[in-house]
Amino acid sequence: ANLDILRGTLSKQLTFLRKKGFIEVKYDQADKRVKYHTLT
């Protein structure tokens, strides 16, 4: 929403950045379906 890009486009970019080791995914302790992104 903030970068005004499609979620599918973002998903591909996040996967790339995660594989490169620049971001990590953290899961909500109360609801494991909820994912948060943080930087390495």
Full PDB file with SEQRES, HELIX, SHEET, SSBOND, CRYST1, ORIGX, SCALE, CONECT and MASTER records, all heavy atoms in Angstrom:
SEQRES   1 A   40  ALA ASN LEU ASP ILE LEU ARG GLY THR LEU SER LYS GLN          
SEQRES   2 A   40  LEU THR PHE LEU ARG LYS LYS GLY PHE ILE GLU VAL LYS          
SEQRES   3 A   40  TYR ASP GLN ALA ASP LYS ARG VAL LYS TYR HIS THR LEU          
SEQRES   4 A   40  THR                                                          
HELIX    1 AA1 ARG A    7  LYS A   19  1                                  13    
SHEET    1 AA1 2 ILE A  23  TYR A  27  0                                        
SHEET    2 AA1 2 LYS A  35  LEU A  39 -1                                        
CRYST1    1.000    1.000    1.000  90.00  90.00  90.00 P 1           1          
ORIGX1      1.000000  0.000000  0.000000        0.00000                         
ORIGX2      0.000000  1.000000  0.000000        0.00000                         
ORIGX3      0.000000  0.000000  1.000000        0.00000                         
SCALE1      1.000000  0.000000  0.000000        0.00000                         
SCALE2      0.000000  1.000000  0.000000        0.00000                         
SCALE3      0.000000  0.000000  1.000000        0.00000                         
ATOM      1  N   ALA A   1       0.824  -1.209   0.000  1.00  0.00           N  
ATOM      2  CA  ALA A   1       0.000   0.000   0.000  1.00  0.00           C  
ATOM      3  C   ALA A   1       0.858   1.258   0.000  1.00  0.00           C  
ATOM      4  O   ALA A   1       0.591   2.199  -0.757  1.00  0.00           O  
ATOM      5  CB  ALA A   1      -0.939  -0.010   1.211  1.00  0.00           C  
ATOM      6  N   ASN A   2       1.880   1.282   0.809  1.00  0.00           N  
ATOM      7  CA  ASN A   2       2.700   2.489   0.929  1.00  0.00           C  
ATOM      8  C   ASN A   2       3.604   2.720  -0.271  1.00  0.00           C  
ATOM      9  O   ASN A   2       3.905   3.868  -0.606  1.00  0.00           O  
ATOM     10  CB  ASN A   2       3.508   2.461   2.223  1.00  0.00           C  
ATOM     11  CG  ASN A   2       2.654   2.835   3.410  1.00  0.00           C  
ATOM     12  OD1 ASN A   2       2.401   4.002   3.649  1.00  0.00           O  
ATOM     13  ND2 ASN A   2       2.154   1.833   4.135  1.00  0.00           N  
ATOM     14  N   LEU A   3       4.053   1.655  -0.919  1.00  0.00           N  
ATOM     15  CA  LEU A   3       4.888   1.812  -2.111  1.00  0.00           C  
ATOM     16  C   LEU A   3       4.054   1.787  -3.386  1.00  0.00           C  
ATOM     17  O   LEU A   3       4.591   1.934  -4.480  1.00  0.00           O  
ATOM     18  CB  LEU A   3       5.973   0.732  -2.149  1.00  0.00           C  
ATOM     19  CG  LEU A   3       6.999   0.779  -1.017  1.00  0.00           C  
ATOM     20  CD1 LEU A   3       8.024  -0.333  -1.187  1.00  0.00           C  
ATOM     21  CD2 LEU A   3       7.675   2.132  -0.946  1.00  0.00           C  
ATOM     22  N   ASP A   4       2.743   1.573  -3.226  1.00  0.00           N  
ATOM     23  CA  ASP A   4       1.801   1.574  -4.350  1.00  0.00           C  
ATOM     24  C   ASP A   4       2.212   0.561  -5.417  1.00  0.00           C  
ATOM     25  O   ASP A   4       2.350   0.881  -6.601  1.00  0.00           O  
ATOM     26  CB  ASP A   4       1.675   2.976  -4.946  1.00  0.00           C  
ATOM     27  CG  ASP A   4       0.442   3.117  -5.827  1.00  0.00           C  
ATOM     28  OD1 ASP A   4      -0.509   2.329  -5.644  1.00  0.00           O  
ATOM     29  OD2 ASP A   4       0.443   3.996  -6.709  1.00  0.00           O  
ATOM     30  N   ILE A   5       2.413  -0.684  -4.970  1.00  0.00           N  
ATOM     31  CA  ILE A   5       2.746  -1.770  -5.886  1.00  0.00           C  
ATOM     32  C   ILE A   5       1.792  -2.932  -5.653  1.00  0.00           C  
ATOM     33  O   ILE A   5       1.195  -3.053  -4.575  1.00  0.00           O  
ATOM     34  CB  ILE A   5       4.217  -2.242  -5.735  1.00  0.00           C  
ATOM     35  CG1 ILE A   5       4.517  -2.657  -4.297  1.00  0.00           C  
ATOM     36  CG2 ILE A   5       5.180  -1.183  -6.204  1.00  0.00           C  
ATOM     37  CD1 ILE A   5       5.908  -3.226  -4.093  1.00  0.00           C  
ATOM     38  N   LEU A   6       1.645  -3.768  -6.650  1.00  0.00           N  
ATOM     39  CA  LEU A   6       0.770  -4.931  -6.533  1.00  0.00           C  
ATOM     40  C   LEU A   6       1.363  -5.936  -5.550  1.00  0.00           C  
ATOM     41  O   LEU A   6       2.574  -6.095  -5.458  1.00  0.00           O  
ATOM     42  CB  LEU A   6       0.592  -5.593  -7.901  1.00  0.00           C  
ATOM     43  CG  LEU A   6      -0.060  -4.740  -8.980  1.00  0.00           C  
ATOM     44  CD1 LEU A   6       0.001  -5.462 -10.325  1.00  0.00           C  
ATOM     45  CD2 LEU A   6      -1.489  -4.399  -8.606  1.00  0.00           C  
ATOM     46  N   ARG A   7       0.478  -6.635  -4.847  1.00  0.00           N  
ATOM     47  CA  ARG A   7       0.956  -7.604  -3.852  1.00  0.00           C  
ATOM     48  C   ARG A   7       1.733  -8.739  -4.497  1.00  0.00           C  
ATOM     49  O   ARG A   7       2.690  -9.246  -3.923  1.00  0.00           O  
ATOM     50  CB  ARG A   7      -0.209  -8.112  -3.010  1.00  0.00           C  
ATOM     51  CG  ARG A   7      -0.727  -6.970  -2.110  1.00  0.00           C  
ATOM     52  CD  ARG A   7      -1.656  -7.405  -1.068  1.00  0.00           C  
ATOM     53  NE  ARG A   7      -1.052  -8.402  -0.203  1.00  0.00           N  
ATOM     54  CZ  ARG A   7      -1.660  -8.893   0.849  1.00  0.00           C  
ATOM     55  NH1 ARG A   7      -2.847  -8.478   1.185  1.00  0.00           N  
ATOM     56  NH2 ARG A   7      -1.081  -9.805   1.588  1.00  0.00           N  
ATOM     57  N   GLY A   8       1.347  -9.140  -5.707  1.00  0.00           N  
ATOM     58  CA  GLY A   8       2.085 -10.201  -6.407  1.00  0.00           C  
ATOM     59  C   GLY A   8       3.499  -9.764  -6.744  1.00  0.00           C  
ATOM     60  O   GLY A   8       4.449 -10.534  -6.600  1.00  0.00           O  
ATOM     61  N   THR A   9       3.630  -8.518  -7.194  1.00  0.00           N  
ATOM     62  CA  THR A   9       4.951  -7.959  -7.485  1.00  0.00           C  
ATOM     63  C   THR A   9       5.783  -7.923  -6.212  1.00  0.00           C  
ATOM     64  O   THR A   9       6.952  -8.317  -6.204  1.00  0.00           O  
ATOM     65  CB  THR A   9       4.815  -6.535  -8.063  1.00  0.00           C  
ATOM     66  OG1 THR A   9       4.055  -6.601  -9.268  1.00  0.00           O  
ATOM     67  CG2 THR A   9       6.171  -5.906  -8.321  1.00  0.00           C  
ATOM     68  N   LEU A  10       5.159  -7.464  -5.127  1.00  0.00           N  
ATOM     69  CA  LEU A  10       5.863  -7.386  -3.845  1.00  0.00           C  
ATOM     70  C   LEU A  10       6.294  -8.770  -3.376  1.00  0.00           C  
ATOM     71  O   LEU A  10       7.425  -8.942  -2.913  1.00  0.00           O  
ATOM     72  CB  LEU A  10       4.989  -6.718  -2.783  1.00  0.00           C  
ATOM     73  CG  LEU A  10       5.606  -6.670  -1.391  1.00  0.00           C  
ATOM     74  CD1 LEU A  10       6.873  -5.823  -1.379  1.00  0.00           C  
ATOM     75  CD2 LEU A  10       4.601  -6.168  -0.376  1.00  0.00           C  
ATOM     76  N   SER A  11       5.430  -9.738  -3.506  1.00  0.00           N  
ATOM     77  CA  SER A  11       5.747 -11.092  -3.054  1.00  0.00           C  
ATOM     78  C   SER A  11       7.004 -11.622  -3.737  1.00  0.00           C  
ATOM     79  O   SER A  11       7.882 -12.202  -3.080  1.00  0.00           O  
ATOM     80  CB  SER A  11       4.559 -12.017  -3.334  1.00  0.00           C  
ATOM     81  OG  SER A  11       4.872 -13.339  -2.961  1.00  0.00           O  
ATOM     82  N   LYS A  12       7.114 -11.406  -5.043  1.00  0.00           N  
ATOM     83  CA  LYS A  12       8.308 -11.852  -5.783  1.00  0.00           C  
ATOM     84  C   LYS A  12       9.559 -11.133  -5.279  1.00  0.00           C  
ATOM     85  O   LYS A  12      10.621 -11.745  -5.123  1.00  0.00           O  
ATOM     86  CB  LYS A  12       8.126 -11.598  -7.272  1.00  0.00           C  
ATOM     87  CG  LYS A  12       7.101 -12.495  -7.917  1.00  0.00           C  
ATOM     88  CD  LYS A  12       6.864 -12.108  -9.360  1.00  0.00           C  
ATOM     89  CE  LYS A  12       5.679 -12.890  -9.914  1.00  0.00           C  
ATOM     90  NZ  LYS A  12       5.245 -12.383 -11.204  1.00  0.00           N  
ATOM     91  N   GLN A  13       9.428  -9.843  -5.034  1.00  0.00           N  
ATOM     92  CA  GLN A  13      10.577  -9.066  -4.563  1.00  0.00           C  
ATOM     93  C   GLN A  13      10.989  -9.494  -3.150  1.00  0.00           C  
ATOM     94  O   GLN A  13      12.182  -9.607  -2.851  1.00  0.00           O  
ATOM     95  CB  GLN A  13      10.269  -7.566  -4.601  1.00  0.00           C  
ATOM     96  CG  GLN A  13       9.945  -7.029  -5.980  1.00  0.00           C  
ATOM     97  CD  GLN A  13      11.053  -7.279  -6.988  1.00  0.00           C  
ATOM     98  OE1 GLN A  13      12.233  -7.143  -6.691  1.00  0.00           O  
ATOM     99  NE2 GLN A  13      10.677  -7.648  -8.200  1.00  0.00           N  
ATOM    100  N   LEU A  14      10.016  -9.722  -2.288  1.00  0.00           N  
ATOM    101  CA  LEU A  14      10.327 -10.155  -0.919  1.00  0.00           C  
ATOM    102  C   LEU A  14      11.014 -11.517  -0.919  1.00  0.00           C  
ATOM    103  O   LEU A  14      11.956 -11.751  -0.154  1.00  0.00           O  
ATOM    104  CB  LEU A  14       9.054 -10.192  -0.067  1.00  0.00           C  
ATOM    105  CG  LEU A  14       8.444  -8.842   0.284  1.00  0.00           C  
ATOM    106  CD1 LEU A  14       7.089  -9.031   0.956  1.00  0.00           C  
ATOM    107  CD2 LEU A  14       9.375  -8.010   1.154  1.00  0.00           C  
ATOM    108  N   THR A  15      10.552 -12.411  -1.780  1.00  0.00           N  
ATOM    109  CA  THR A  15      11.187 -13.734  -1.883  1.00  0.00           C  
ATOM    110  C   THR A  15      12.646 -13.578  -2.314  1.00  0.00           C  
ATOM    111  O   THR A  15      13.540 -14.194  -1.731  1.00  0.00           O  
ATOM    112  CB  THR A  15      10.417 -14.630  -2.879  1.00  0.00           C  
ATOM    113  OG1 THR A  15       9.087 -14.821  -2.379  1.00  0.00           O  
ATOM    114  CG2 THR A  15      11.100 -15.969  -3.061  1.00  0.00           C  
ATOM    115  N   PHE A  16      12.886 -12.748  -3.317  1.00  0.00           N  
ATOM    116  CA  PHE A  16      14.248 -12.487  -3.782  1.00  0.00           C  
ATOM    117  C   PHE A  16      15.111 -11.921  -2.653  1.00  0.00           C  
ATOM    118  O   PHE A  16      16.230 -12.392  -2.406  1.00  0.00           O  
ATOM    119  CB  PHE A  16      14.216 -11.520  -4.971  1.00  0.00           C  
ATOM    120  CG  PHE A  16      15.572 -11.090  -5.432  1.00  0.00           C  
ATOM    121  CD1 PHE A  16      16.310 -11.875  -6.306  1.00  0.00           C  
ATOM    122  CD2 PHE A  16      16.127  -9.890  -4.991  1.00  0.00           C  
ATOM    123  CE1 PHE A  16      17.572 -11.478  -6.732  1.00  0.00           C  
ATOM    124  CE2 PHE A  16      17.386  -9.484  -5.413  1.00  0.00           C  
ATOM    125  CZ  PHE A  16      18.113 -10.283  -6.281  1.00  0.00           C  
ATOM    126  N   LEU A  17      14.590 -10.921  -1.954  1.00  0.00           N  
ATOM    127  CA  LEU A  17      15.354 -10.268  -0.877  1.00  0.00           C  
ATOM    128  C   LEU A  17      15.609 -11.218   0.289  1.00  0.00           C  
ATOM    129  O   LEU A  17      16.666 -11.168   0.914  1.00  0.00           O  
ATOM    130  CB  LEU A  17      14.631  -9.002  -0.409  1.00  0.00           C  
ATOM    131  CG  LEU A  17      14.541  -7.881  -1.455  1.00  0.00           C  
ATOM    132  CD1 LEU A  17      13.611  -6.777  -0.969  1.00  0.00           C  
ATOM    133  CD2 LEU A  17      15.918  -7.335  -1.783  1.00  0.00           C  
ATOM    134  N   ARG A  18      14.658 -12.104   0.557  1.00  0.00           N  
ATOM    135  CA  ARG A  18      14.848 -13.085   1.630  1.00  0.00           C  
ATOM    136  C   ARG A  18      15.931 -14.087   1.232  1.00  0.00           C  
ATOM    137  O   ARG A  18      16.814 -14.419   2.025  1.00  0.00           O  
ATOM    138  CB  ARG A  18      13.522 -13.785   1.939  1.00  0.00           C  
ATOM    139  CG  ARG A  18      13.573 -14.636   3.194  1.00  0.00           C  
ATOM    140  CD  ARG A  18      12.222 -15.207   3.602  1.00  0.00           C  
ATOM    141  NE  ARG A  18      11.609 -16.014   2.569  1.00  0.00           N  
ATOM    142  CZ  ARG A  18      10.555 -15.655   1.824  1.00  0.00           C  
ATOM    143  NH1 ARG A  18       9.967 -14.502   2.009  1.00  0.00           N  
ATOM    144  NH2 ARG A  18      10.065 -16.460   0.906  1.00  0.00           N  
ATOM    145  N   LYS A  19      15.892 -14.554  -0.026  1.00  0.00           N  
ATOM    146  CA  LYS A  19      16.908 -15.506  -0.495  1.00  0.00           C  
ATOM    147  C   LYS A  19      18.307 -14.887  -0.506  1.00  0.00           C  
ATOM    148  O   LYS A  19      19.295 -15.584  -0.286  1.00  0.00           O  
ATOM    149  CB  LYS A  19      16.551 -16.021  -1.897  1.00  0.00           C  
ATOM    150  CG  LYS A  19      15.398 -16.991  -1.888  1.00  0.00           C  
ATOM    151  CD  LYS A  19      15.068 -17.473  -3.288  1.00  0.00           C  
ATOM    152  CE  LYS A  19      13.922 -18.462  -3.263  1.00  0.00           C  
ATOM    153  NZ  LYS A  19      13.532 -18.892  -4.623  1.00  0.00           N  
ATOM    154  N   LYS A  20      18.391 -13.590  -0.739  1.00  0.00           N  
ATOM    155  CA  LYS A  20      19.675 -12.884  -0.722  1.00  0.00           C  
ATOM    156  C   LYS A  20      20.155 -12.624   0.707  1.00  0.00           C  
ATOM    157  O   LYS A  20      21.292 -12.202   0.910  1.00  0.00           O  
ATOM    158  CB  LYS A  20      19.563 -11.542  -1.458  1.00  0.00           C  
ATOM    159  CG  LYS A  20      19.468 -11.692  -2.952  1.00  0.00           C  
ATOM    160  CD  LYS A  20      20.803 -12.167  -3.486  1.00  0.00           C  
ATOM    161  CE  LYS A  20      20.972 -11.866  -4.938  1.00  0.00           C  
ATOM    162  NZ  LYS A  20      22.256 -12.296  -5.441  1.00  0.00           N  
ATOM    163  N   GLY A  21      19.290 -12.832   1.681  1.00  0.00           N  
ATOM    164  CA  GLY A  21      19.679 -12.646   3.073  1.00  0.00           C  
ATOM    165  C   GLY A  21      19.535 -11.210   3.577  1.00  0.00           C  
ATOM    166  O   GLY A  21      20.155 -10.841   4.575  1.00  0.00           O  
ATOM    167  N   PHE A  22      18.684 -10.416   2.929  1.00  0.00           N  
ATOM    168  CA  PHE A  22      18.507  -9.020   3.337  1.00  0.00           C  
ATOM    169  C   PHE A  22      17.302  -8.817   4.249  1.00  0.00           C  
ATOM    170  O   PHE A  22      17.241  -7.841   4.986  1.00  0.00           O  
ATOM    171  CB  PHE A  22      18.367  -8.105   2.112  1.00  0.00           C  
ATOM    172  CG  PHE A  22      19.548  -8.176   1.185  1.00  0.00           C  
ATOM    173  CD1 PHE A  22      19.365  -8.175  -0.183  1.00  0.00           C  
ATOM    174  CD2 PHE A  22      20.850  -8.249   1.667  1.00  0.00           C  
ATOM    175  CE1 PHE A  22      20.445  -8.241  -1.053  1.00  0.00           C  
ATOM    176  CE2 PHE A  22      21.934  -8.316   0.817  1.00  0.00           C  
ATOM    177  CZ  PHE A  22      21.739  -8.314  -0.552  1.00  0.00           C  
ATOM    178  N   ILE A  23      16.326  -9.719   4.161  1.00  0.00           N  
ATOM    179  CA  ILE A  23      15.158  -9.631   5.029  1.00  0.00           C  
ATOM    180  C   ILE A  23      14.870 -10.991   5.651  1.00  0.00           C  
ATOM    181  O   ILE A  23      15.322 -12.027   5.151  1.00  0.00           O  
ATOM    182  CB  ILE A  23      13.897  -9.117   4.291  1.00  0.00           C  
ATOM    183  CG1 ILE A  23      13.444 -10.120   3.224  1.00  0.00           C  
ATOM    184  CG2 ILE A  23      14.128  -7.739   3.692  1.00  0.00           C  
ATOM    185  CD1 ILE A  23      12.080  -9.793   2.639  1.00  0.00           C  
ATOM    186  N   GLU A  24      14.121 -10.946   6.733  1.00  0.00           N  
ATOM    187  CA  GLU A  24      13.660 -12.161   7.410  1.00  0.00           C  
ATOM    188  C   GLU A  24      12.160 -12.045   7.617  1.00  0.00           C  
ATOM    189  O   GLU A  24      11.620 -10.940   7.712  1.00  0.00           O  
ATOM    190  CB  GLU A  24      14.323 -12.300   8.790  1.00  0.00           C  
ATOM    191  CG  GLU A  24      15.806 -12.523   8.743  1.00  0.00           C  
ATOM    192  CD  GLU A  24      16.425 -12.602  10.124  1.00  0.00           C  
ATOM    193  OE1 GLU A  24      15.855 -12.034  11.084  1.00  0.00           O  
ATOM    194  OE2 GLU A  24      17.491 -13.212  10.250  1.00  0.00           O  
ATOM    195  N   VAL A  25      11.518 -13.202   7.713  1.00  0.00           N  
ATOM    196  CA  VAL A  25      10.091 -13.238   8.018  1.00  0.00           C  
ATOM    197  C   VAL A  25       9.944 -13.731   9.445  1.00  0.00           C  
ATOM    198  O   VAL A  25      10.551 -14.721   9.846  1.00  0.00           O  
ATOM    199  CB  VAL A  25       9.343 -14.184   7.049  1.00  0.00           C  
ATOM    200  CG1 VAL A  25       7.889 -14.322   7.452  1.00  0.00           C  
ATOM    201  CG2 VAL A  25       9.470 -13.681   5.627  1.00  0.00           C  
ATOM    202  N   LYS A  26       9.142 -13.003  10.202  1.00  0.00           N  
ATOM    203  CA  LYS A  26       8.829 -13.402  11.576  1.00  0.00           C  
ATOM    204  C   LYS A  26       7.324 -13.644  11.639  1.00  0.00           C  
ATOM    205  O   LYS A  26       6.541 -12.949  10.990  1.00  0.00           O  
ATOM    206  CB  LYS A  26       9.204 -12.298  12.574  1.00  0.00           C  
ATOM    207  CG  LYS A  26      10.656 -11.861  12.511  1.00  0.00           C  
ATOM    208  CD  LYS A  26      11.562 -12.873  13.127  1.00  0.00           C  
ATOM    209  CE  LYS A  26      12.995 -12.356  13.114  1.00  0.00           C  
ATOM    210  NZ  LYS A  26      13.942 -13.235  13.667  1.00  0.00           N  
ATOM    211  N   TYR A  27       6.932 -14.633  12.420  1.00  0.00           N  
ATOM    212  CA  TYR A  27       5.520 -14.973  12.526  1.00  0.00           C  
ATOM    213  C   TYR A  27       4.963 -14.487  13.857  1.00  0.00           C  
ATOM    214  O   TYR A  27       5.641 -14.545  14.879  1.00  0.00           O  
ATOM    215  CB  TYR A  27       5.320 -16.484  12.380  1.00  0.00           C  
ATOM    216  CG  TYR A  27       5.657 -16.962  10.986  1.00  0.00           C  
ATOM    217  CD1 TYR A  27       6.947 -17.368  10.658  1.00  0.00           C  
ATOM    218  CD2 TYR A  27       4.689 -16.966   9.994  1.00  0.00           C  
ATOM    219  CE1 TYR A  27       7.263 -17.781   9.370  1.00  0.00           C  
ATOM    220  CE2 TYR A  27       5.000 -17.378   8.706  1.00  0.00           C  
ATOM    221  CZ  TYR A  27       6.284 -17.777   8.402  1.00  0.00           C  
ATOM    222  OH  TYR A  27       6.597 -18.188   7.127  1.00  0.00           O  
ATOM    223  N   ASP A  28       3.722 -14.035  13.811  1.00  0.00           N  
ATOM    224  CA  ASP A  28       3.028 -13.574  15.012  1.00  0.00           C  
ATOM    225  C   ASP A  28       2.874 -14.751  15.974  1.00  0.00           C  
ATOM    226  O   ASP A  28       2.481 -15.846  15.558  1.00  0.00           O  
ATOM    227  CB  ASP A  28       1.655 -13.012  14.602  1.00  0.00           C  
ATOM    228  CG  ASP A  28       0.938 -12.339  15.756  1.00  0.00           C  
ATOM    229  OD1 ASP A  28       0.546 -13.061  16.700  1.00  0.00           O  
ATOM    230  OD2 ASP A  28       0.767 -11.120  15.697  1.00  0.00           O  
ATOM    231  N   GLN A  29       3.191 -14.535  17.228  1.00  0.00           N  
ATOM    232  CA  GLN A  29       3.110 -15.618  18.217  1.00  0.00           C  
ATOM    233  C   GLN A  29       1.671 -16.078  18.450  1.00  0.00           C  
ATOM    234  O   GLN A  29       1.427 -17.261  18.658  1.00  0.00           O  
ATOM    235  CB  GLN A  29       3.735 -15.165  19.553  1.00  0.00           C  
ATOM    236  CG  GLN A  29       5.219 -14.899  19.471  1.00  0.00           C  
ATOM    237  CD  GLN A  29       6.019 -16.124  19.059  1.00  0.00           C  
ATOM    238  OE1 GLN A  29       5.739 -17.236  19.477  1.00  0.00           O  
ATOM    239  NE2 GLN A  29       7.005 -15.920  18.202  1.00  0.00           N  
ATOM    240  N   ALA A  30       0.727 -15.149  18.387  1.00  0.00           N  
ATOM    241  CA  ALA A  30      -0.671 -15.486  18.632  1.00  0.00           C  
ATOM    242  C   ALA A  30      -1.349 -16.088  17.399  1.00  0.00           C  
ATOM    243  O   ALA A  30      -2.264 -16.897  17.527  1.00  0.00           O  
ATOM    244  CB  ALA A  30      -1.437 -14.241  19.085  1.00  0.00           C  
ATOM    245  N   ASP A  31      -0.917 -15.696  16.223  1.00  0.00           N  
ATOM    246  CA  ASP A  31      -1.533 -16.166  14.978  1.00  0.00           C  
ATOM    247  C   ASP A  31      -0.431 -16.415  13.951  1.00  0.00           C  
ATOM    248  O   ASP A  31       0.052 -15.484  13.306  1.00  0.00           O  
ATOM    249  CB  ASP A  31      -2.532 -15.128  14.462  1.00  0.00           C  
ATOM    250  CG  ASP A  31      -3.310 -15.611  13.249  1.00  0.00           C  
ATOM    251  OD1 ASP A  31      -2.955 -16.666  12.667  1.00  0.00           O  
ATOM    252  OD2 ASP A  31      -4.278 -14.928  12.859  1.00  0.00           O  
ATOM    253  N   LYS A  32      -0.051 -17.655  13.802  1.00  0.00           N  
ATOM    254  CA  LYS A  32       1.081 -18.030  12.933  1.00  0.00           C  
ATOM    255  C   LYS A  32       0.837 -17.716  11.449  1.00  0.00           C  
ATOM    256  O   LYS A  32       1.750 -17.765  10.649  1.00  0.00           O  
ATOM    257  CB  LYS A  32       1.420 -19.522  13.086  1.00  0.00           C  
ATOM    258  CG  LYS A  32       1.871 -19.898  14.476  1.00  0.00           C  
ATOM    259  CD  LYS A  32       3.219 -19.285  14.777  1.00  0.00           C  
ATOM    260  CE  LYS A  32       3.702 -19.757  16.135  1.00  0.00           C  
ATOM    261  NZ  LYS A  32       4.891 -19.081  16.576  1.00  0.00           N  
ATOM    262  N   ARG A  33      -0.413 -17.380  11.083  1.00  0.00           N  
ATOM    263  CA  ARG A  33      -0.691 -17.006   9.694  1.00  0.00           C  
ATOM    264  C   ARG A  33      -0.191 -15.599   9.384  1.00  0.00           C  
ATOM    265  O   ARG A  33       0.009 -15.241   8.240  1.00  0.00           O  
ATOM    266  CB  ARG A  33      -2.190 -17.076   9.414  1.00  0.00           C  
ATOM    267  CG  ARG A  33      -2.769 -18.486   9.526  1.00  0.00           C  
ATOM    268  CD  ARG A  33      -4.258 -18.444   9.416  1.00  0.00           C  
ATOM    269  NE  ARG A  33      -4.782 -17.645  10.537  1.00  0.00           N  
ATOM    270  CZ  ARG A  33      -6.046 -17.289  10.685  1.00  0.00           C  
ATOM    271  NH1 ARG A  33      -6.935 -17.616   9.783  1.00  0.00           N  
ATOM    272  NH2 ARG A  33      -6.429 -16.588  11.734  1.00  0.00           N  
ATOM    273  N   VAL A  34       0.007 -14.785  10.416  1.00  0.00           N  
ATOM    274  CA  VAL A  34       0.415 -13.393  10.246  1.00  0.00           C  
ATOM    275  C   VAL A  34       1.935 -13.317  10.179  1.00  0.00           C  
ATOM    276  O   VAL A  34       2.628 -13.779  11.086  1.00  0.00           O  
ATOM    277  CB  VAL A  34      -0.127 -12.515  11.398  1.00  0.00           C  
ATOM    278  CG1 VAL A  34       0.342 -11.079  11.241  1.00  0.00           C  
ATOM    279  CG2 VAL A  34      -1.649 -12.592  11.464  1.00  0.00           C  
ATOM    280  N   LYS A  35       2.433 -12.732   9.068  1.00  0.00           N  
ATOM    281  CA  LYS A  35       3.875 -12.618   8.852  1.00  0.00           C  
ATOM    282  C   LYS A  35       4.307 -11.153   8.911  1.00  0.00           C  
ATOM    283  O   LYS A  35       3.615 -10.279   8.397  1.00  0.00           O  
ATOM    284  CB  LYS A  35       4.271 -13.176   7.482  1.00  0.00           C  
ATOM    285  CG  LYS A  35       4.003 -14.636   7.307  1.00  0.00           C  
ATOM    286  CD  LYS A  35       4.630 -15.187   6.036  1.00  0.00           C  
ATOM    287  CE  LYS A  35       4.027 -14.591   4.795  1.00  0.00           C  
ATOM    288  NZ  LYS A  35       4.507 -15.245   3.563  1.00  0.00           N  
ATOM    289  N   TYR A  36       5.459 -10.949   9.524  1.00  0.00           N  
ATOM    290  CA  TYR A  36       6.065  -9.623   9.580  1.00  0.00           C  
ATOM    291  C   TYR A  36       7.434  -9.683   8.914  1.00  0.00           C  
ATOM    292  O   TYR A  36       8.117 -10.701   8.980  1.00  0.00           O  
ATOM    293  CB  TYR A  36       6.236  -9.168  11.038  1.00  0.00           C  
ATOM    294  CG  TYR A  36       4.942  -9.044  11.781  1.00  0.00           C  
ATOM    295  CD1 TYR A  36       4.516 -10.046  12.638  1.00  0.00           C  
ATOM    296  CD2 TYR A  36       4.140  -7.925  11.620  1.00  0.00           C  
ATOM    297  CE1 TYR A  36       3.322  -9.940  13.327  1.00  0.00           C  
ATOM    298  CE2 TYR A  36       2.939  -7.805  12.304  1.00  0.00           C  
ATOM    299  CZ  TYR A  36       2.537  -8.814  13.156  1.00  0.00           C  
ATOM    300  OH  TYR A  36       1.346  -8.702  13.831  1.00  0.00           O  
ATOM    301  N   HIS A  37       7.815  -8.576   8.318  1.00  0.00           N  
ATOM    302  CA  HIS A  37       9.112  -8.512   7.648  1.00  0.00           C  
ATOM    303  C   HIS A  37      10.046  -7.607   8.438  1.00  0.00           C  
ATOM    304  O   HIS A  37       9.645  -6.543   8.922  1.00  0.00           O  
ATOM    305  CB  HIS A  37       8.949  -7.984   6.228  1.00  0.00           C  
ATOM    306  CG  HIS A  37       8.004  -8.821   5.421  1.00  0.00           C  
ATOM    307  ND1 HIS A  37       8.369 -10.035   4.889  1.00  0.00           N  
ATOM    308  CD2 HIS A  37       6.707  -8.640   5.100  1.00  0.00           C  
ATOM    309  CE1 HIS A  37       7.338 -10.559   4.259  1.00  0.00           C  
ATOM    310  NE2 HIS A  37       6.321  -9.734   4.374  1.00  0.00           N  
ATOM    311  N   THR A  38      11.279  -8.060   8.567  1.00  0.00           N  
ATOM    312  CA  THR A  38      12.304  -7.297   9.257  1.00  0.00           C  
ATOM    313  C   THR A  38      13.612  -7.464   8.475  1.00  0.00           C  
ATOM    314  O   THR A  38      13.727  -8.359   7.640  1.00  0.00           O  
ATOM    315  CB  THR A  38      12.438  -7.757  10.726  1.00  0.00           C  
ATOM    316  OG1 THR A  38      13.298  -6.869  11.421  1.00  0.00           O  
ATOM    317  CG2 THR A  38      12.925  -9.181  10.838  1.00  0.00           C  
ATOM    318  N   LEU A  39      14.568  -6.621   8.746  1.00  0.00           N  
ATOM    319  CA  LEU A  39      15.832  -6.661   8.017  1.00  0.00           C  
ATOM    320  C   LEU A  39      16.890  -7.434   8.782  1.00  0.00           C  
ATOM    321  O   LEU A  39      16.935  -7.415  10.010  1.00  0.00           O  
ATOM    322  CB  LEU A  39      16.352  -5.239   7.774  1.00  0.00           C  
ATOM    323  CG  LEU A  39      15.484  -4.326   6.914  1.00  0.00           C  
ATOM    324  CD1 LEU A  39      16.113  -2.940   6.830  1.00  0.00           C  
ATOM    325  CD2 LEU A  39      15.283  -4.898   5.525  1.00  0.00           C  
ATOM    326  N   THR A  40      17.764  -8.071   8.027  1.00  0.00           N  
ATOM    327  CA  THR A  40      18.974  -8.652   8.592  1.00  0.00           C  
ATOM    328  C   THR A  40      19.986  -7.508   8.744  1.00  0.00           C  
ATOM    329  O   THR A  40      19.734  -6.380   8.297  1.00  0.00           O  
ATOM    330  CB  THR A  40      19.553  -9.719   7.648  1.00  0.00           C  
ATOM    331  OG1 THR A  40      19.931  -9.077   6.423  1.00  0.00           O  
ATOM    332  CG2 THR A  40      18.554 -10.843   7.386  1.00  0.00           C  
TER     333      THR A  40                                                      
MASTER        0    0    0    1    2    0    0    6  332    1    0    4          
END                                                                             
